[in-house]
Amino acid sequence: MTDAVPRRPDGRPLWYGRRASHKLRPGRQRLVDDLLPTIRVPSEGPSEGAIDLAALFGRSMPAYRLEIGFGGGEHLAGQAAANPDVGFIGSEPFINGVASLLAEIDERALANVRVFDDDVRLILDKLPAAAFERIYVLFPDPWPKTRHHRRRIVGAETLGQLARLVPPGGQLLFATDHMGYAAWALEHVRRHPAWRWTAERPGDWRDPPADWVPTRYEKKARRKGDLPVYLSFERQED
């Protein structure tokens, strides 16, 4: 059987989880077959390596945002609908989540969303520098066991890659209901010279941003009594 797990050059896997939980309904399978290829982000750019965002969206957009691990796509679709002049790239290796977002894109006729249906770390180096005004990392897998912490998407290795994509004054927004991961993210981001935590009072991390669109995972966590935290970091001058 073919190993579908994306891997680094040294052979270590990038994505460690399952890529599907159940068979897609016929309508969603059609979206994966027909719609996804028309809005898929290529894993490789031109010879110089950078993905051309204007070519990807068919025009130059005033601004771009990246959502890493969009889950069912609720937040991404809501943001795209509210900001039609912003180009959104969403990454998600879980095919059921991809299909959910495709259904939102189809139903709302969203023309400003492009999808990378794989581990975002495969394209971080292919995206143009300082191109994204905002990056979202929302409710990622916390990998709670200590031996698995290196799998977390927010860590020393990726923070530098993300900083390359955001101009000074841009944002990195991280949300989680796992307090261990929240502490981990704060520790790693605050000691990285490219990022500054913007919170000045408890409400700045207890309350979601004003334009927030809740995800199904977030709602589920709240029903269980788990209170998410919302951490906002600003890109600093080099």
Protein backbone atom coordinates (compact mmCIF):
# COMPACT_ATOMS: atom_id res chain seq x y z
CA MET A 1 0.00 0.00 0.00
CA THR A 2 1.25 3.50 -0.84
CA ASP A 3 2.37 5.57 2.14
CA ALA A 4 0.21 8.71 1.90
CA VAL A 5 1.85 10.40 4.91
CA PRO A 6 3.73 13.54 3.78
CA ARG A 7 7.35 13.41 4.80
CA ARG A 8 10.26 15.74 5.36
CA PRO A 9 13.46 15.33 3.33
CA ASP A 10 14.90 13.27 6.20
CA GLY A 11 11.95 10.85 5.99
CA ARG A 12 10.13 11.92 9.16
CA PRO A 13 6.35 12.25 8.70
CA LEU A 14 4.71 15.67 8.74
CA TRP A 15 1.12 14.55 9.28
CA TYR A 16 0.63 11.90 11.95
CA GLY A 17 -3.14 11.53 12.16
CA ARG A 18 -5.86 9.83 10.12
CA ARG A 19 -6.75 11.47 6.84
CA ALA A 20 -10.42 10.34 6.81
CA SER A 21 -12.97 9.13 9.35
CA HIS A 22 -15.84 7.95 7.15
CA LYS A 23 -16.82 7.65 3.52
CA LEU A 24 -18.00 10.90 1.99
CA ARG A 25 -21.58 11.34 0.88
CA PRO A 26 -21.97 11.39 -2.93
CA GLY A 27 -22.55 15.13 -3.08
CA ARG A 28 -19.43 15.93 -1.10
CA GLN A 29 -17.40 13.39 -3.03
CA ARG A 30 -18.40 15.22 -6.21
CA LEU A 31 -17.13 18.47 -4.71
CA VAL A 32 -13.81 16.81 -3.89
CA ASP A 33 -13.62 15.43 -7.44
CA ASP A 34 -14.83 18.50 -9.32
CA LEU A 35 -14.47 21.67 -7.22
CA LEU A 36 -11.30 20.97 -5.27
CA PRO A 37 -9.02 20.66 -8.34
CA THR A 38 -10.12 24.14 -9.49
CA ILE A 39 -9.16 25.84 -6.20
CA ARG A 40 -6.33 23.63 -4.97
CA VAL A 41 -3.07 25.30 -3.97
CA PRO A 42 -0.17 23.65 -5.81
CA SER A 43 2.51 22.09 -3.66
CA GLU A 44 5.17 23.61 -5.91
CA GLY A 45 5.57 27.06 -7.37
CA PRO A 46 7.41 28.08 -10.51
CA SER A 47 11.11 27.45 -10.95
CA GLU A 48 12.07 30.14 -8.43
CA GLY A 49 9.97 28.38 -5.79
CA ALA A 50 7.32 30.94 -4.80
CA ILE A 51 3.62 30.35 -5.38
CA ASP A 52 2.15 33.28 -7.32
CA LEU A 53 -0.84 34.39 -5.26
CA ALA A 54 -2.25 36.70 -7.92
CA ALA A 55 -2.20 33.84 -10.42
CA LEU A 56 -3.68 31.49 -7.82
CA PHE A 57 -6.70 33.76 -7.24
CA GLY A 58 -6.96 35.02 -10.81
CA ARG A 59 -6.24 38.59 -9.72
CA SER A 60 -4.16 40.52 -7.23
CA MET A 61 -6.04 40.74 -3.93
CA PRO A 62 -5.66 43.71 -1.53
CA ALA A 63 -4.75 41.31 1.29
CA TYR A 64 -4.25 37.61 2.00
CA ARG A 65 -4.79 35.42 5.05
CA LEU A 66 -3.78 31.86 5.87
CA GLU A 67 -5.70 29.43 8.09
CA ILE A 68 -3.77 26.36 9.20
CA GLY A 69 -5.85 23.29 10.00
CA PHE A 70 -9.31 24.70 9.25
CA GLY A 71 -11.19 21.64 10.55
CA GLY A 72 -14.74 21.81 9.21
CA GLY A 73 -14.10 25.20 7.62
CA GLU A 74 -16.69 27.19 9.59
CA HIS A 75 -14.33 29.99 10.58
CA LEU A 76 -12.62 30.15 7.20
CA ALA A 77 -15.88 30.25 5.23
CA GLY A 78 -17.34 32.88 7.56
CA GLN A 79 -14.27 35.09 7.29
CA ALA A 80 -14.17 34.71 3.51
CA ALA A 81 -17.85 35.65 3.22
CA ALA A 82 -17.33 38.73 5.40
CA ASN A 83 -14.16 39.80 3.56
CA PRO A 84 -14.71 39.19 -0.17
CA ASP A 85 -11.67 41.28 -1.17
CA VAL A 86 -9.29 39.21 0.96
CA GLY A 87 -7.74 36.09 -0.50
CA PHE A 88 -7.88 33.14 1.93
CA ILE A 89 -5.71 30.04 1.81
CA GLY A 90 -6.79 27.19 4.07
CA SER A 91 -4.83 24.02 4.75
CA GLU A 92 -6.28 20.80 6.13
CA PRO A 93 -5.10 17.21 5.58
CA PHE A 94 -8.33 15.66 6.89
CA ILE A 95 -10.47 14.97 3.81
CA ASN A 96 -13.80 15.10 5.67
CA GLY A 97 -12.99 18.63 6.83
CA VAL A 98 -11.94 19.60 3.33
CA ALA A 99 -15.26 18.33 1.99
CA SER A 100 -17.14 20.36 4.62
CA LEU A 101 -15.37 23.54 3.56
CA LEU A 102 -16.02 22.77 -0.11
CA ALA A 103 -19.73 22.52 0.67
CA GLU A 104 -19.59 25.98 2.28
CA ILE A 105 -17.68 27.40 -0.68
CA ASP A 106 -20.19 25.93 -3.11
CA GLU A 107 -23.27 27.01 -1.16
CA ARG A 108 -22.03 30.57 -0.57
CA ALA A 109 -20.34 30.92 -3.99
CA LEU A 110 -17.09 32.00 -2.33
CA ALA A 111 -14.57 33.02 -4.98
CA ASN A 112 -11.81 34.10 -2.58
CA VAL A 113 -10.82 30.77 -1.00
CA ARG A 114 -8.06 28.40 -2.09
CA VAL A 115 -7.38 25.04 -0.42
CA PHE A 116 -4.28 23.00 0.30
CA ASP A 117 -5.56 19.56 1.23
CA ASP A 118 -2.40 18.42 2.99
CA ASP A 119 0.02 19.37 5.75
CA VAL A 120 0.74 23.10 5.50
CA ARG A 121 4.41 22.55 6.28
CA LEU A 122 4.80 21.15 2.79
CA ILE A 123 4.18 24.60 1.28
CA LEU A 124 5.35 27.12 3.90
CA ASP A 125 8.64 27.61 2.09
CA LYS A 126 6.78 27.96 -1.24
CA LEU A 127 4.58 30.85 -0.13
CA PRO A 128 5.83 34.40 -0.81
CA ALA A 129 7.43 36.38 2.00
CA ALA A 130 5.44 39.03 3.89
CA ALA A 131 2.31 38.16 1.88
CA PHE A 132 -0.19 37.43 4.66
CA GLU A 133 -1.67 40.06 6.94
CA ARG A 134 -2.98 37.38 9.29
CA ILE A 135 -2.37 33.70 10.03
CA TYR A 136 -4.87 31.62 12.01
CA VAL A 137 -3.99 28.44 13.92
CA LEU A 138 -7.28 27.38 15.50
CA PHE A 139 -7.73 24.42 17.84
CA PRO A 140 -4.87 22.34 16.47
CA ASP A 141 -4.24 18.83 17.75
CA PRO A 142 -2.59 19.40 21.17
CA TRP A 143 -0.56 16.17 21.10
CA PRO A 144 -0.72 16.08 24.93
CA LYS A 145 1.88 13.37 25.53
CA THR A 146 5.34 14.78 26.16
CA ARG A 147 6.96 12.51 23.60
CA HIS A 148 4.61 13.91 20.96
CA HIS A 149 5.16 17.62 21.65
CA ARG A 150 7.51 17.89 18.69
CA ARG A 151 4.51 17.22 16.46
CA ARG A 152 2.77 20.44 17.52
CA ILE A 153 2.31 22.93 14.71
CA VAL A 154 3.31 25.85 16.93
CA GLY A 155 6.94 25.34 17.84
CA ALA A 156 10.41 26.73 17.36
CA GLU A 157 10.75 25.37 13.83
CA THR A 158 7.49 26.66 12.38
CA LEU A 159 7.44 30.05 14.13
CA GLY A 160 10.32 31.27 12.00
CA GLN A 161 8.61 30.02 8.85
CA LEU A 162 5.38 31.77 9.81
CA ALA A 163 7.25 34.98 10.64
CA ARG A 164 8.67 35.02 7.11
CA LEU A 165 5.13 35.08 5.70
CA VAL A 166 3.84 38.03 7.78
CA PRO A 167 4.96 41.67 7.43
CA PRO A 168 5.64 43.80 10.53
CA GLY A 169 2.34 44.64 12.18
CA GLY A 170 0.67 41.45 10.89
CA GLN A 171 -0.94 38.93 13.21
CA LEU A 172 -0.69 35.34 14.30
CA LEU A 173 -3.93 34.22 16.00
CA PHE A 174 -3.84 30.99 18.01
CA ALA A 175 -6.84 29.42 19.76
CA THR A 176 -7.03 26.29 21.90
CA ASP A 177 -9.03 24.76 24.72
CA HIS A 178 -6.00 22.75 25.89
CA MET A 179 -4.28 24.74 28.64
CA GLY A 180 -1.07 22.77 28.30
CA TYR A 181 -0.84 23.73 24.65
CA ALA A 182 -1.73 27.35 25.45
CA ALA A 183 1.17 27.52 27.90
CA TRP A 184 3.44 25.83 25.34
CA ALA A 185 2.46 28.33 22.64
CA LEU A 186 3.00 31.31 24.93
CA GLU A 187 6.40 30.02 25.98
CA HIS A 188 7.60 29.41 22.43
CA VAL A 189 6.11 32.46 20.75
CA ARG A 190 7.09 34.97 23.45
CA ARG A 191 10.73 33.95 23.29
CA HIS A 192 10.80 34.19 19.51
CA PRO A 193 12.14 37.64 18.50
CA ALA A 194 9.72 38.02 15.59
CA TRP A 195 6.54 37.91 17.69
CA ARG A 196 4.97 39.97 20.50
CA TRP A 197 1.99 38.87 22.59
CA THR A 198 -0.51 41.73 22.42
CA ALA A 199 -2.66 40.97 25.49
CA GLU A 200 -2.98 43.77 28.05
CA ARG A 201 -5.87 42.41 30.16
CA PRO A 202 -7.50 39.02 30.80
CA GLY A 203 -10.32 39.71 28.34
CA ASP A 204 -7.76 39.93 25.53
CA TRP A 205 -7.14 36.20 25.76
CA ARG A 206 -10.41 35.01 27.31
CA ASP A 207 -12.66 36.61 24.69
CA PRO A 208 -12.51 35.91 20.94
CA PRO A 209 -11.74 38.75 18.51
CA ALA A 210 -14.67 40.95 17.48
CA ASP A 211 -14.92 39.40 14.02
CA TRP A 212 -14.67 35.83 15.27
CA VAL A 213 -16.57 32.97 13.63
CA PRO A 214 -16.83 29.99 16.04
CA THR A 215 -15.92 26.51 14.87
CA ARG A 216 -17.84 23.32 15.61
CA TYR A 217 -14.90 22.10 17.70
CA GLU A 218 -14.99 25.30 19.74
CA LYS A 219 -18.73 24.92 20.36
CA LYS A 220 -18.24 21.30 21.39
CA ALA A 221 -15.51 22.30 23.84
CA ARG A 222 -17.71 24.95 25.41
CA ARG A 223 -20.57 22.47 25.80
CA LYS A 224 -18.19 20.27 27.78
CA GLY A 225 -17.26 23.23 29.96
CA ASP A 226 -13.81 23.77 28.44
CA LEU A 227 -13.10 27.48 27.98
CA PRO A 228 -10.88 28.29 25.00
CA VAL A 229 -8.15 30.91 25.03
CA TYR A 230 -7.41 33.24 22.13
CA LEU A 231 -3.82 34.36 21.83
CA SER A 232 -2.91 37.18 19.45
CA PHE A 233 0.69 37.86 18.46
CA GLU A 234 2.02 40.77 16.40
CA ARG A 235 4.87 40.49 13.92
CA GLN A 236 7.77 42.69 15.00
CA GLU A 237 10.28 44.58 12.90
CA ASP A 238 13.37 42.53 12.07
